[in-house]
Every structure is written in structure tokens, then in C-alpha cells.
Amino acid sequence: MRAFLALDFDAAALAILRAYVRDLRHLTWSKHIKWVGDDSLHSTTRFLGEIDGAQKDILIESLRAPSALDKPEALTITVMSPQLFPKSTRPRLVVCLIKPHPVLTALALACETAAQTIGVPAERRAFLGHVTLGRVRDSWPRRGEAGPEAGQASPLIAPSQAYPTRANALTLYQSLLKSSGAEYVPLHRWPFG
């Protein structure tokens, strides 16, 4: 099964993220984006790739240990306004970055340790908290062609804003790839608080 670990947000945080997607869908260049569905908004803490049932069980058990996952009260994090990522000139995603937070960093490290425990190769890139709102399609205009509105800077919604939001659980998801897009099935949840 294709799996990943992710933070789930409370209703207020999801309302903000859904409003961003709704507002961005009205921009002229939005046709070049494959938007994430309302039920799929999350922040991946560790992509696992293909794992089997035994690996899933070991992962769940390893994250159950208090040393691996201190169940904090709902984690308050700051989500930034949407932006093109990694560069506005050559984007791959539309994301809301998450300001670094010590508890989130520790949680990502616990997820990384658990992933390596089940034989997933170490992640080479540093953890960067974010919520993906959409993925750039191949039809995105190349440099010099009409893309986002002229002079459009990142972030996409001005002025740049930051919202304190709450993550209420860490969830192990299975990702089912379908012709209509990915469907995420929760396999196990570790609620905060």
C-alpha cells in the first residue's frame, strides 16, 4: 500500500484553507492547477511510499511509544498565505507554508525515525511544513508566456497573512491513486490532547 503520515487540522483551520482554494480558483491562471479536494487538505510529515501490512503495524506500534510521540494538546501552528512553490517563476505547487515550530519539528523527526524503523530510506531533504492546495499542470505557461497576473508576487493573496491554526491529529493514510485523483484513506490516528 502507498502510505504517508500527515497532520490533520481542526474545522477552523480547514475553513481557512478551503477559502483559499475557493478564492484562488477564480483567478485566470487557475485552469493550470489541479486543486486538492476539500477532504484532502493536510500537512504531510513523512511520505512512506509502498509499505506492507507488517510494516504498517510496526510503524503504528513505534509511534505509540511515548518517547516517539508526545501527544501534545492540539498543536497550534501558523499557516502562511498561499504561494507558488518552490519558485513563482517555475512552480510545481500552490502551498501554504507553515512557520517552523519546535513541536512540529519534533513530530516530523519522530515520523522520520518511525519510517526508518520499517526500512524506508532516510529522507534527504529537510522537513518543510506546508499544506498543498494544488499541483501545477503541464499546461502551466513557460517563462515569458502569460501566467499569473502581471506583476503577481508570491504570496498569491495580498497582503501576506499568517493564521494561527490547530492540528488535532497525526494520521497514517493510505493513498489510493484513481483516474479521478488520489483518495486518502485513514488507517490509524493519533489524536492530540
Protein backbone atom coordinates (compact mmCIF):
# COMPACT_ATOMS: atom_id res chain seq x y z
CA MET A 1 0.00 0.00 0.00
CA ARG A 2 1.15 3.55 -0.76
CA ALA A 3 1.17 5.43 2.55
CA PHE A 4 2.13 8.64 4.32
CA LEU A 5 1.91 10.32 7.73
CA ALA A 6 0.18 13.70 7.97
CA LEU A 7 -1.19 16.34 10.31
CA ASP A 8 -4.95 16.82 10.24
CA PHE A 9 -6.40 20.23 11.07
CA ASP A 10 -9.39 21.33 13.11
CA ALA A 11 -12.56 22.72 11.50
CA ALA A 12 -11.48 26.38 11.77
CA ALA A 13 -8.14 25.73 10.06
CA LEU A 14 -9.83 23.71 7.31
CA ALA A 15 -12.27 26.57 6.72
CA ILE A 16 -9.34 28.96 6.10
CA LEU A 17 -7.61 26.53 3.74
CA ARG A 18 -10.82 25.81 1.82
CA ALA A 19 -11.48 29.55 1.47
CA TYR A 20 -8.01 29.98 -0.04
CA VAL A 21 -8.70 27.28 -2.62
CA ARG A 22 -12.12 28.77 -3.39
CA ASP A 23 -10.64 32.26 -3.90
CA LEU A 24 -7.72 31.05 -6.00
CA ARG A 25 -9.98 29.04 -8.32
CA HIS A 26 -11.39 32.37 -9.58
CA LEU A 27 -8.03 33.65 -10.85
CA THR A 28 -7.43 33.48 -14.61
CA TRP A 29 -4.49 31.07 -14.33
CA SER A 30 -6.29 28.61 -12.04
CA LYS A 31 -7.08 26.34 -15.02
CA HIS A 32 -3.38 25.37 -14.94
CA ILE A 33 -3.73 23.96 -11.41
CA LYS A 34 -5.10 20.61 -10.27
CA TRP A 35 -6.70 21.68 -6.99
CA VAL A 36 -6.71 19.48 -3.90
CA GLY A 37 -10.18 18.42 -2.79
CA ASP A 38 -11.69 19.81 0.41
CA ASP A 39 -11.40 16.42 2.12
CA SER A 40 -7.71 16.02 1.25
CA LEU A 41 -6.19 19.11 2.91
CA HIS A 42 -3.44 18.07 5.32
CA SER A 43 0.26 18.60 6.02
CA THR A 44 2.41 15.58 5.20
CA THR A 45 5.01 14.93 7.88
CA ARG A 46 6.56 11.89 6.13
CA PHE A 47 5.83 10.20 2.80
CA LEU A 48 6.45 6.47 3.19
CA GLY A 49 5.88 5.08 -0.30
CA GLU A 50 4.95 1.42 -0.67
CA ILE A 51 4.72 -0.46 2.63
CA ASP A 52 3.14 -3.79 3.56
CA GLY A 53 0.81 -4.75 6.40
CA ALA A 54 3.64 -5.84 8.72
CA GLN A 55 5.47 -2.55 8.20
CA LYS A 56 2.24 -0.65 8.88
CA ASP A 57 1.77 -2.49 12.20
CA ILE A 58 5.37 -1.85 13.29
CA LEU A 59 5.05 1.84 12.35
CA ILE A 60 1.85 2.20 14.39
CA GLU A 61 3.46 0.50 17.35
CA SER A 62 6.65 2.59 17.15
CA LEU A 63 4.69 5.87 17.11
CA ARG A 64 2.59 4.69 20.04
CA ALA A 65 5.63 4.81 22.33
CA PRO A 66 5.57 7.99 24.49
CA SER A 67 9.19 8.77 23.61
CA ALA A 68 8.34 8.78 19.90
CA LEU A 69 5.14 10.79 20.03
CA ASP A 70 4.34 13.08 22.94
CA LYS A 71 0.67 13.63 22.41
CA PRO A 72 0.64 17.41 22.81
CA GLU A 73 -2.58 19.25 23.31
CA ALA A 74 -3.81 20.37 19.92
CA LEU A 75 -0.76 21.74 18.15
CA THR A 76 -1.08 25.44 17.34
CA ILE A 77 0.88 26.31 14.21
CA THR A 78 0.99 29.32 11.89
CA VAL A 79 -0.09 28.84 8.30
CA MET A 80 1.02 31.46 5.77
CA SER A 81 -0.89 32.82 2.76
CA PRO A 82 -0.79 30.71 -0.43
CA GLN A 83 2.21 30.98 -2.70
CA LEU A 84 3.69 29.33 -5.76
CA PHE A 85 6.35 26.82 -4.75
CA PRO A 86 9.29 26.33 -4.98
CA LYS A 87 9.65 29.42 -7.22
CA SER A 88 6.99 31.70 -8.63
CA THR A 89 8.78 31.59 -12.00
CA ARG A 90 8.84 27.78 -12.16
CA PRO A 91 6.23 26.48 -9.74
CA ARG A 92 5.27 22.89 -9.08
CA LEU A 93 2.74 23.53 -6.32
CA VAL A 94 0.45 26.09 -4.74
CA VAL A 95 1.09 25.81 -0.99
CA CYS A 96 0.57 27.43 2.37
CA LEU A 97 3.89 27.19 4.19
CA ILE A 98 3.85 26.53 7.92
CA LYS A 99 6.13 28.60 10.14
CA PRO A 100 8.72 26.42 11.89
CA HIS A 101 7.52 25.22 15.29
CA PRO A 102 9.56 23.14 17.78
CA VAL A 103 6.76 20.63 18.44
CA LEU A 104 6.14 20.18 14.72
CA THR A 105 9.87 19.69 14.13
CA ALA A 106 9.99 17.04 16.90
CA LEU A 107 6.92 15.35 15.44
CA ALA A 108 8.49 15.25 11.96
CA LEU A 109 11.64 13.74 13.49
CA ALA A 110 9.55 11.06 15.26
CA CYS A 111 7.87 10.27 11.93
CA GLU A 112 11.26 10.07 10.20
CA THR A 113 12.59 7.72 12.89
CA ALA A 114 9.50 5.51 12.62
CA ALA A 115 9.83 5.42 8.82
CA GLN A 116 13.44 4.29 9.06
CA THR A 117 12.43 1.68 11.65
CA ILE A 118 10.30 -0.06 9.00
CA GLY A 119 13.03 0.14 6.34
CA VAL A 120 12.04 3.30 4.47
CA PRO A 121 15.22 5.05 3.25
CA ALA A 122 16.17 8.25 5.09
CA GLU A 123 14.67 11.47 3.72
CA ARG A 124 17.37 13.55 2.07
CA ARG A 125 15.55 16.87 2.18
CA ALA A 126 14.99 18.86 5.35
CA PHE A 127 11.40 18.88 6.62
CA LEU A 128 9.40 21.87 5.38
CA GLY A 129 5.90 22.11 6.85
CA HIS A 130 3.30 23.04 4.25
CA VAL A 131 -0.22 22.36 3.05
CA THR A 132 -0.56 21.62 -0.67
CA LEU A 133 -3.56 23.43 -2.17
CA GLY A 134 -2.87 22.45 -5.78
CA ARG A 135 -0.39 20.95 -8.20
CA VAL A 136 0.74 22.78 -11.33
CA ARG A 137 -0.36 21.05 -14.55
CA ASP A 138 1.85 20.56 -17.60
CA SER A 139 -0.16 23.32 -19.27
CA TRP A 140 1.42 25.97 -16.98
CA PRO A 141 2.80 28.78 -19.19
CA ARG A 142 6.53 28.73 -19.76
CA ARG A 143 8.66 31.74 -18.92
CA GLY A 144 7.65 34.76 -20.98
CA GLU A 145 4.11 33.50 -21.60
CA ALA A 146 1.04 34.77 -19.79
CA GLY A 147 0.85 33.18 -16.36
CA PRO A 148 -0.35 34.65 -13.09
CA GLU A 149 -1.44 38.26 -13.39
CA ALA A 150 1.40 40.57 -14.45
CA GLY A 151 3.49 41.62 -11.52
CA GLN A 152 1.85 38.96 -9.35
CA ALA A 153 4.19 38.28 -6.50
CA SER A 154 4.10 35.44 -4.06
CA PRO A 155 2.13 35.15 -1.79
CA LEU A 156 -0.87 34.94 -4.08
CA ILE A 157 -3.38 36.59 -1.78
CA ALA A 158 -2.30 40.07 -0.73
CA PRO A 159 -1.46 41.23 1.78
CA SER A 160 0.60 38.37 3.11
CA GLN A 161 -1.15 36.95 6.14
CA ALA A 162 -0.40 34.36 8.77
CA TYR A 163 -3.10 32.46 10.62
CA PRO A 164 -2.64 30.53 13.84
CA THR A 165 -4.31 27.18 13.23
CA ARG A 166 -4.64 23.95 15.13
CA ALA A 167 -3.58 20.49 14.11
CA ASN A 168 -5.66 17.97 16.02
CA ALA A 169 -4.16 14.62 14.99
CA LEU A 170 -1.38 12.77 13.26
CA THR A 171 -2.82 10.26 10.79
CA LEU A 172 -1.38 7.36 8.83
CA TYR A 173 -3.04 7.46 5.40
CA GLN A 174 -3.18 5.05 2.51
CA SER A 175 -3.09 6.85 -0.83
CA LEU A 176 -5.27 5.20 -3.49
CA LEU A 177 -4.42 6.51 -6.95
CA LYS A 178 -7.53 6.70 -9.13
CA SER A 179 -8.23 8.25 -12.52
CA SER A 180 -10.21 10.96 -10.72
CA GLY A 181 -7.26 11.74 -8.44
CA ALA A 182 -5.77 10.43 -5.21
CA GLU A 183 -8.09 9.27 -2.44
CA TYR A 184 -6.73 9.23 1.10
CA VAL A 185 -7.95 6.51 3.45
CA PRO A 186 -7.11 6.92 7.16
CA LEU A 187 -5.51 3.76 8.59
CA HIS A 188 -4.66 4.99 12.09
CA ARG A 189 -4.98 8.26 14.02
CA TRP A 190 -3.05 9.63 16.98
CA PRO A 191 -5.26 12.48 18.32
CA PHE A 192 -3.58 15.38 20.15
CA GLY A 193 -4.85 16.24 23.59
